[in-house]
């Protein structure tokens, strides 16, 4: 095992043990190089290992931060298409635009010179029963070939067909009351309670590839958007 691999394994153990806490900052390259008595180039290689495995991420001008356990723990991940593989899952594209990112989305995606996002609204149905209403943003810079036609199939499959490796999906879940537009598409009543799941889908090296807000039509459905690594 090389020196940078030894350092990477040591840092991983410190993260798993809680010495470095989720969302907390790590020391910079200079301090780590001094602690391990190696060059900054060696530390940089070790940190790249942690980034590729989902343990940490960098914030421009701010430093290195530890990801929560959901980002790196081993688990099976299933897309909606996977869960309904033996039945017909239909997609209706209600909106498809390419637009300039808002300042908040620009910050979340850490966009470069190309600030454009694909923004779409899609209704997924099973045997004509609405299951989920999806609103999604994806960087044009990462997905220049993403067209409206592709949205009728599996977006996760499209990502992987482009040679990308999906690392993790960070989810937040909350209860909402449906507005009139959501209720219309999901065949519910305005102000009905529903589950809403916000997904942040990452590639390796903690690259944010997709933000999706799922509004559920069936609150008994357990919506996990993951795939086996």
C-alpha atoms as a PDB file:
ATOM      1  CA  UNK A   1       0.000   0.000   0.000  1.00  0.00           C
ATOM      2  CA  UNK A   2       1.387   3.398  -0.959  1.00  0.00           C
ATOM      3  CA  UNK A   3       1.716   6.279   1.499  1.00  0.00           C
ATOM      4  CA  UNK A   4      -1.253   8.219   0.107  1.00  0.00           C
ATOM      5  CA  UNK A   5      -3.420   5.083   0.346  1.00  0.00           C
ATOM      6  CA  UNK A   6      -2.393   4.627   3.989  1.00  0.00           C
ATOM      7  CA  UNK A   7      -3.331   8.237   4.709  1.00  0.00           C
ATOM      8  CA  UNK A   8      -6.644   7.831   2.893  1.00  0.00           C
ATOM      9  CA  UNK A   9      -7.504   4.760   4.979  1.00  0.00           C
ATOM     10  CA  UNK A  10      -6.577   6.573   8.185  1.00  0.00           C
ATOM     11  CA  UNK A  11      -8.771   9.552   7.291  1.00  0.00           C
ATOM     12  CA  UNK A  12     -11.660   7.226   6.405  1.00  0.00           C
ATOM     13  CA  UNK A  13     -11.407   5.578   9.821  1.00  0.00           C
ATOM     14  CA  UNK A  14     -11.435   9.006  11.474  1.00  0.00           C
ATOM     15  CA  UNK A  15     -14.610   9.867   9.566  1.00  0.00           C
ATOM     16  CA  UNK A  16     -16.304   6.560  10.419  1.00  0.00           C
ATOM     17  CA  UNK A  17     -15.361   6.880  14.088  1.00  0.00           C
ATOM     18  CA  UNK A  18     -16.914  10.332  14.292  1.00  0.00           C
ATOM     19  CA  UNK A  19     -13.647  12.191  14.860  1.00  0.00           C
ATOM     20  CA  UNK A  20     -14.600  14.166  11.772  1.00  0.00           C
ATOM     21  CA  UNK A  21     -18.322  14.899  11.964  1.00  0.00           C
ATOM     22  CA  UNK A  22     -20.755  15.001   9.039  1.00  0.00           C
ATOM     23  CA  UNK A  23     -20.869  18.431   7.358  1.00  0.00           C
ATOM     24  CA  UNK A  24     -17.908  19.521   9.488  1.00  0.00           C
ATOM     25  CA  UNK A  25     -14.709  20.971   8.051  1.00  0.00           C
ATOM     26  CA  UNK A  26     -11.436  19.045   7.797  1.00  0.00           C
ATOM     27  CA  UNK A  27      -7.984  20.566   7.984  1.00  0.00           C
ATOM     28  CA  UNK A  28      -6.576  21.906   4.739  1.00  0.00           C
ATOM     29  CA  UNK A  29      -3.835  20.287   2.671  1.00  0.00           C
ATOM     30  CA  UNK A  30      -1.081  22.246   4.433  1.00  0.00           C
ATOM     31  CA  UNK A  31      -2.094  21.114   7.938  1.00  0.00           C
ATOM     32  CA  UNK A  32      -2.639  17.503   6.863  1.00  0.00           C
ATOM     33  CA  UNK A  33       0.740  17.410   5.115  1.00  0.00           C
ATOM     34  CA  UNK A  34       2.369  18.691   8.298  1.00  0.00           C
ATOM     35  CA  UNK A  35       0.568  16.123  10.469  1.00  0.00           C
ATOM     36  CA  UNK A  36       1.452  13.148   8.248  1.00  0.00           C
ATOM     37  CA  UNK A  37       4.895  14.562   7.367  1.00  0.00           C
ATOM     38  CA  UNK A  38       4.397  14.189   3.622  1.00  0.00           C
ATOM     39  CA  UNK A  39       4.140  16.527   0.652  1.00  0.00           C
ATOM     40  CA  UNK A  40       0.936  18.340  -0.251  1.00  0.00           C
ATOM     41  CA  UNK A  41       0.882  16.340  -3.496  1.00  0.00           C
ATOM     42  CA  UNK A  42       0.628  13.127  -1.453  1.00  0.00           C
ATOM     43  CA  UNK A  43      -2.171  14.603   0.666  1.00  0.00           C
ATOM     44  CA  UNK A  44      -3.963  15.707  -2.489  1.00  0.00           C
ATOM     45  CA  UNK A  45      -3.897  12.113  -3.793  1.00  0.00           C
ATOM     46  CA  UNK A  46      -5.275  10.828  -0.487  1.00  0.00           C
ATOM     47  CA  UNK A  47      -8.073  13.395  -0.494  1.00  0.00           C
ATOM     48  CA  UNK A  48      -8.971  12.472  -4.070  1.00  0.00           C
ATOM     49  CA  UNK A  49      -9.516   8.888  -2.889  1.00  0.00           C
ATOM     50  CA  UNK A  50     -11.949  10.154  -0.246  1.00  0.00           C
ATOM     51  CA  UNK A  51     -13.759  12.336  -2.780  1.00  0.00           C
ATOM     52  CA  UNK A  52     -14.130   9.462  -5.249  1.00  0.00           C
ATOM     53  CA  UNK A  53     -15.613   7.261  -2.522  1.00  0.00           C
ATOM     54  CA  UNK A  54     -18.036   9.956  -1.364  1.00  0.00           C
ATOM     55  CA  UNK A  55     -16.517  10.689   2.061  1.00  0.00           C
ATOM     56  CA  UNK A  56     -15.720  14.371   1.511  1.00  0.00           C
ATOM     57  CA  UNK A  57     -16.377  17.273  -0.824  1.00  0.00           C
ATOM     58  CA  UNK A  58     -14.673  20.594  -1.490  1.00  0.00           C
ATOM     59  CA  UNK A  59     -16.287  24.015  -1.434  1.00  0.00           C
ATOM     60  CA  UNK A  60     -14.563  26.599  -3.561  1.00  0.00           C
ATOM     61  CA  UNK A  61     -12.857  29.165  -1.376  1.00  0.00           C
ATOM     62  CA  UNK A  62     -14.110  27.481   1.792  1.00  0.00           C
ATOM     63  CA  UNK A  63     -12.282  24.186   2.300  1.00  0.00           C
ATOM     64  CA  UNK A  64     -12.891  20.448   2.652  1.00  0.00           C
ATOM     65  CA  UNK A  65     -16.049  19.108   4.302  1.00  0.00           C
ATOM     66  CA  UNK A  66     -17.158  15.669   5.491  1.00  0.00           C
ATOM     67  CA  UNK A  67     -20.218  14.103   3.881  1.00  0.00           C
ATOM     68  CA  UNK A  68     -22.938  12.392   5.954  1.00  0.00           C
ATOM     69  CA  UNK A  69     -22.990   8.597   6.098  1.00  0.00           C
ATOM     70  CA  UNK A  70     -25.698   8.362   3.430  1.00  0.00           C
ATOM     71  CA  UNK A  71     -23.136   9.546   0.865  1.00  0.00           C
ATOM     72  CA  UNK A  72     -20.719   6.651   1.243  1.00  0.00           C
ATOM     73  CA  UNK A  73     -22.394   3.715   2.960  1.00  0.00           C
ATOM     74  CA  UNK A  74     -22.808   0.575   0.842  1.00  0.00           C
ATOM     75  CA  UNK A  75     -26.404  -0.198  -0.048  1.00  0.00           C
ATOM     76  CA  UNK A  76     -28.653  -1.268  -2.890  1.00  0.00           C
ATOM     77  CA  UNK A  77     -30.359   1.550  -4.736  1.00  0.00           C
ATOM     78  CA  UNK A  78     -33.494   1.203  -6.797  1.00  0.00           C
ATOM     79  CA  UNK A  79     -35.030   3.596  -9.281  1.00  0.00           C
ATOM     80  CA  UNK A  80     -38.753   3.817  -9.806  1.00  0.00           C
ATOM     81  CA  UNK A  81     -38.303   2.056 -13.154  1.00  0.00           C
ATOM     82  CA  UNK A  82     -36.494  -0.804 -11.377  1.00  0.00           C
ATOM     83  CA  UNK A  83     -39.292  -1.249  -8.849  1.00  0.00           C
ATOM     84  CA  UNK A  84     -41.927  -1.522 -11.559  1.00  0.00           C
ATOM     85  CA  UNK A  85     -39.806  -3.399 -14.099  1.00  0.00           C
ATOM     86  CA  UNK A  86     -42.496  -6.027 -14.846  1.00  0.00           C
ATOM     87  CA  UNK A  87     -45.284  -3.515 -15.354  1.00  0.00           C
ATOM     88  CA  UNK A  88     -45.770  -0.533 -17.594  1.00  0.00           C
ATOM     89  CA  UNK A  89     -44.540   2.726 -16.092  1.00  0.00           C
ATOM     90  CA  UNK A  90     -45.614   5.675 -18.230  1.00  0.00           C
ATOM     91  CA  UNK A  91     -44.038   9.126 -18.350  1.00  0.00           C
ATOM     92  CA  UNK A  92     -45.795  12.298 -19.431  1.00  0.00           C
ATOM     93  CA  UNK A  93     -43.555  15.330 -19.951  1.00  0.00           C
ATOM     94  CA  UNK A  94     -45.495  18.391 -18.826  1.00  0.00           C
ATOM     95  CA  UNK A  95     -42.651  20.886 -19.235  1.00  0.00           C
ATOM     96  CA  UNK A  96     -39.187  20.906 -20.799  1.00  0.00           C
ATOM     97  CA  UNK A  97     -37.047  24.049 -20.948  1.00  0.00           C
ATOM     98  CA  UNK A  98     -33.397  25.073 -20.976  1.00  0.00           C
ATOM     99  CA  UNK A  99     -32.970  28.109 -18.763  1.00  0.00           C
ATOM    100  CA  UNK A 100     -30.434  30.176 -16.869  1.00  0.00           C
ATOM    101  CA  UNK A 101     -29.806  28.924 -13.330  1.00  0.00           C
ATOM    102  CA  UNK A 102     -30.999  30.997 -10.412  1.00  0.00           C
ATOM    103  CA  UNK A 103     -28.246  32.175  -8.031  1.00  0.00           C
ATOM    104  CA  UNK A 104     -29.254  29.462  -5.543  1.00  0.00           C
ATOM    105  CA  UNK A 105     -29.149  26.640  -8.113  1.00  0.00           C
ATOM    106  CA  UNK A 106     -25.890  28.028  -9.507  1.00  0.00           C
ATOM    107  CA  UNK A 107     -24.448  27.766  -5.991  1.00  0.00           C
ATOM    108  CA  UNK A 108     -25.764  24.254  -5.356  1.00  0.00           C
ATOM    109  CA  UNK A 109     -24.510  22.846  -8.663  1.00  0.00           C
ATOM    110  CA  UNK A 110     -21.229  24.832  -8.521  1.00  0.00           C
ATOM    111  CA  UNK A 111     -21.720  25.676 -12.194  1.00  0.00           C
ATOM    112  CA  UNK A 112     -18.829  26.785 -14.360  1.00  0.00           C
ATOM    113  CA  UNK A 113     -19.070  29.169 -17.297  1.00  0.00           C
ATOM    114  CA  UNK A 114     -22.204  27.442 -18.636  1.00  0.00           C
ATOM    115  CA  UNK A 115     -25.031  28.468 -16.293  1.00  0.00           C
ATOM    116  CA  UNK A 116     -27.806  26.695 -18.209  1.00  0.00           C
ATOM    117  CA  UNK A 117     -29.999  24.006 -16.650  1.00  0.00           C
ATOM    118  CA  UNK A 118     -32.457  21.574 -18.177  1.00  0.00           C
ATOM    119  CA  UNK A 119     -35.665  22.090 -16.195  1.00  0.00           C
ATOM    120  CA  UNK A 120     -38.517  19.644 -16.645  1.00  0.00           C
ATOM    121  CA  UNK A 121     -41.770  18.549 -15.051  1.00  0.00           C
ATOM    122  CA  UNK A 122     -42.728  14.902 -15.517  1.00  0.00           C
ATOM    123  CA  UNK A 123     -45.689  12.797 -14.370  1.00  0.00           C
ATOM    124  CA  UNK A 124     -45.008   9.084 -13.755  1.00  0.00           C
ATOM    125  CA  UNK A 125     -48.017   6.763 -13.853  1.00  0.00           C
ATOM    126  CA  UNK A 126     -48.610   3.048 -13.393  1.00  0.00           C
ATOM    127  CA  UNK A 127     -51.524   1.515 -15.292  1.00  0.00           C
ATOM    128  CA  UNK A 128     -52.914   5.036 -15.785  1.00  0.00           C
ATOM    129  CA  UNK A 129     -52.752   5.794 -12.047  1.00  0.00           C
ATOM    130  CA  UNK A 130     -50.564   8.851 -11.243  1.00  0.00           C
ATOM    131  CA  UNK A 131     -47.730   7.872  -8.902  1.00  0.00           C
ATOM    132  CA  UNK A 132     -45.446  10.866  -8.685  1.00  0.00           C
ATOM    133  CA  UNK A 133     -44.968  14.363 -10.066  1.00  0.00           C
ATOM    134  CA  UNK A 134     -41.285  15.155 -10.649  1.00  0.00           C
ATOM    135  CA  UNK A 135     -39.701  18.582 -11.051  1.00  0.00           C
ATOM    136  CA  UNK A 136     -36.040  18.283 -12.018  1.00  0.00           C
ATOM    137  CA  UNK A 137     -32.993  20.433 -12.772  1.00  0.00           C
ATOM    138  CA  UNK A 138     -29.855  19.071 -14.518  1.00  0.00           C
ATOM    139  CA  UNK A 139     -26.790  21.019 -15.765  1.00  0.00           C
ATOM    140  CA  UNK A 140     -26.498  21.327 -19.546  1.00  0.00           C
ATOM    141  CA  UNK A 141     -22.724  21.243 -19.085  1.00  0.00           C
ATOM    142  CA  UNK A 142     -22.990  17.663 -17.745  1.00  0.00           C
ATOM    143  CA  UNK A 143     -25.806  16.528 -20.043  1.00  0.00           C
ATOM    144  CA  UNK A 144     -25.551  18.313 -23.416  1.00  0.00           C
ATOM    145  CA  UNK A 145     -27.440  15.494 -25.191  1.00  0.00           C
ATOM    146  CA  UNK A 146     -30.432  15.383 -22.820  1.00  0.00           C
ATOM    147  CA  UNK A 147     -33.531  15.907 -24.956  1.00  0.00           C
ATOM    148  CA  UNK A 148     -37.234  15.867 -24.222  1.00  0.00           C
ATOM    149  CA  UNK A 149     -37.551  12.443 -25.866  1.00  0.00           C
ATOM    150  CA  UNK A 150     -35.167  10.883 -23.336  1.00  0.00           C
ATOM    151  CA  UNK A 151     -37.513  11.877 -20.507  1.00  0.00           C
ATOM    152  CA  UNK A 152     -40.002   9.213 -21.573  1.00  0.00           C
ATOM    153  CA  UNK A 153     -37.536   6.576 -20.340  1.00  0.00           C
ATOM    154  CA  UNK A 154     -35.252   6.165 -17.310  1.00  0.00           C
ATOM    155  CA  UNK A 155     -33.117   9.215 -16.511  1.00  0.00           C
ATOM    156  CA  UNK A 156     -30.831   7.146 -14.260  1.00  0.00           C
ATOM    157  CA  UNK A 157     -30.220   4.743 -17.147  1.00  0.00           C
ATOM    158  CA  UNK A 158     -29.476   7.688 -19.435  1.00  0.00           C
ATOM    159  CA  UNK A 159     -26.898   8.993 -16.954  1.00  0.00           C
ATOM    160  CA  UNK A 160     -25.149   5.634 -16.764  1.00  0.00           C
ATOM    161  CA  UNK A 161     -25.266   5.127 -20.532  1.00  0.00           C
ATOM    162  CA  UNK A 162     -23.249   8.356 -20.786  1.00  0.00           C
ATOM    163  CA  UNK A 163     -20.476   6.677 -18.774  1.00  0.00           C
ATOM    164  CA  UNK A 164     -21.311   8.321 -15.447  1.00  0.00           C
ATOM    165  CA  UNK A 165     -21.180   6.511 -12.103  1.00  0.00           C
ATOM    166  CA  UNK A 166     -23.967   7.417  -9.684  1.00  0.00           C
ATOM    167  CA  UNK A 167     -22.494   7.554  -6.204  1.00  0.00           C
ATOM    168  CA  UNK A 168     -25.374   8.492  -3.918  1.00  0.00           C
ATOM    169  CA  UNK A 169     -28.730  10.180  -3.574  1.00  0.00           C
ATOM    170  CA  UNK A 170     -29.233  12.474  -0.585  1.00  0.00           C
ATOM    171  CA  UNK A 171     -32.940  12.714   0.241  1.00  0.00           C
ATOM    172  CA  UNK A 172     -35.051  15.002   2.396  1.00  0.00           C
ATOM    173  CA  UNK A 173     -38.684  14.110   3.051  1.00  0.00           C
ATOM    174  CA  UNK A 174     -41.486  16.356   4.229  1.00  0.00           C
ATOM    175  CA  UNK A 175     -45.268  16.517   4.262  1.00  0.00           C
ATOM    176  CA  UNK A 176     -46.970  19.176   2.145  1.00  0.00           C
ATOM    177  CA  UNK A 177     -50.459  20.220   1.146  1.00  0.00           C
ATOM    178  CA  UNK A 178     -51.037  19.962  -2.582  1.00  0.00           C
ATOM    179  CA  UNK A 179     -51.598  23.126  -4.546  1.00  0.00           C
ATOM    180  CA  UNK A 180     -54.212  23.219  -7.300  1.00  0.00           C
ATOM    181  CA  UNK A 181     -51.773  22.298 -10.086  1.00  0.00           C
ATOM    182  CA  UNK A 182     -50.242  19.364  -8.187  1.00  0.00           C
ATOM    183  CA  UNK A 183     -53.680  18.085  -7.202  1.00  0.00           C
ATOM    184  CA  UNK A 184     -54.902  18.236 -10.801  1.00  0.00           C
ATOM    185  CA  UNK A 185     -52.039  16.108 -12.142  1.00  0.00           C
ATOM    186  CA  UNK A 186     -52.139  13.602  -9.268  1.00  0.00           C
ATOM    187  CA  UNK A 187     -55.958  13.385  -9.290  1.00  0.00           C
ATOM    188  CA  UNK A 188     -56.218  14.565  -5.713  1.00  0.00           C
ATOM    189  CA  UNK A 189     -57.957  17.424  -3.970  1.00  0.00           C
ATOM    190  CA  UNK A 190     -56.333  20.797  -3.361  1.00  0.00           C
ATOM    191  CA  UNK A 191     -54.880  20.909   0.176  1.00  0.00           C
ATOM    192  CA  UNK A 192     -54.674  17.095   0.403  1.00  0.00           C
ATOM    193  CA  UNK A 193     -51.626  15.967   2.377  1.00  0.00           C
ATOM    194  CA  UNK A 194     -48.802  14.388   0.377  1.00  0.00           C
ATOM    195  CA  UNK A 195     -45.199  13.304   0.833  1.00  0.00           C
ATOM    196  CA  UNK A 196     -42.592  15.349  -1.008  1.00  0.00           C
ATOM    197  CA  UNK A 197     -39.078  13.968  -1.468  1.00  0.00           C
ATOM    198  CA  UNK A 198     -36.201  16.162  -2.616  1.00  0.00           C
ATOM    199  CA  UNK A 199     -33.334  14.220  -4.206  1.00  0.00           C
ATOM    200  CA  UNK A 200     -29.769  15.438  -4.676  1.00  0.00           C
ATOM    201  CA  UNK A 201     -28.136  12.863  -6.967  1.00  0.00           C
ATOM    202  CA  UNK A 202     -24.341  12.802  -7.020  1.00  0.00           C
ATOM    203  CA  UNK A 203     -21.702  11.280  -9.252  1.00  0.00           C
ATOM    204  CA  UNK A 204     -18.288  10.203  -7.964  1.00  0.00           C
ATOM    205  CA  UNK A 205     -16.089  13.021  -6.630  1.00  0.00           C
ATOM    206  CA  UNK A 206     -19.229  14.565  -5.078  1.00  0.00           C
ATOM    207  CA  UNK A 207     -20.429  16.124  -8.345  1.00  0.00           C
ATOM    208  CA  UNK A 208     -24.070  17.175  -8.012  1.00  0.00           C
ATOM    209  CA  UNK A 209     -25.771  15.950 -11.192  1.00  0.00           C
ATOM    210  CA  UNK A 210     -29.483  16.314 -10.517  1.00  0.00           C
ATOM    211  CA  UNK A 211     -31.975  17.913  -8.158  1.00  0.00           C
ATOM    212  CA  UNK A 212     -35.460  16.417  -8.258  1.00  0.00           C
ATOM    213  CA  UNK A 213     -38.530  17.248  -6.183  1.00  0.00           C
ATOM    214  CA  UNK A 214     -40.958  14.309  -6.142  1.00  0.00           C
ATOM    215  CA  UNK A 215     -44.523  14.916  -5.032  1.00  0.00           C
ATOM    216  CA  UNK A 216     -46.209  11.611  -4.270  1.00  0.00           C
ATOM    217  CA  UNK A 217     -49.615  10.602  -5.538  1.00  0.00           C
ATOM    218  CA  UNK A 218     -49.631   7.494  -3.337  1.00  0.00           C
ATOM    219  CA  UNK A 219     -48.294   8.127   0.156  1.00  0.00           C
ATOM    220  CA  UNK A 220     -47.916   4.401   0.830  1.00  0.00           C
ATOM    221  CA  UNK A 221     -45.252   4.123  -1.870  1.00  0.00           C
ATOM    222  CA  UNK A 222     -41.699   4.064  -0.543  1.00  0.00           C
ATOM    223  CA  UNK A 223     -39.723   6.083  -3.089  1.00  0.00           C
ATOM    224  CA  UNK A 224     -36.031   5.194  -3.078  1.00  0.00           C
ATOM    225  CA  UNK A 225     -33.980   6.462  -5.996  1.00  0.00           C
ATOM    226  CA  UNK A 226     -30.854   4.382  -5.825  1.00  0.00           C
ATOM    227  CA  UNK A 227     -28.964   1.857  -7.865  1.00  0.00           C
ATOM    228  CA  UNK A 228     -26.452  -0.833  -7.005  1.00  0.00           C
ATOM    229  CA  UNK A 229     -22.967   0.599  -7.384  1.00  0.00           C
END
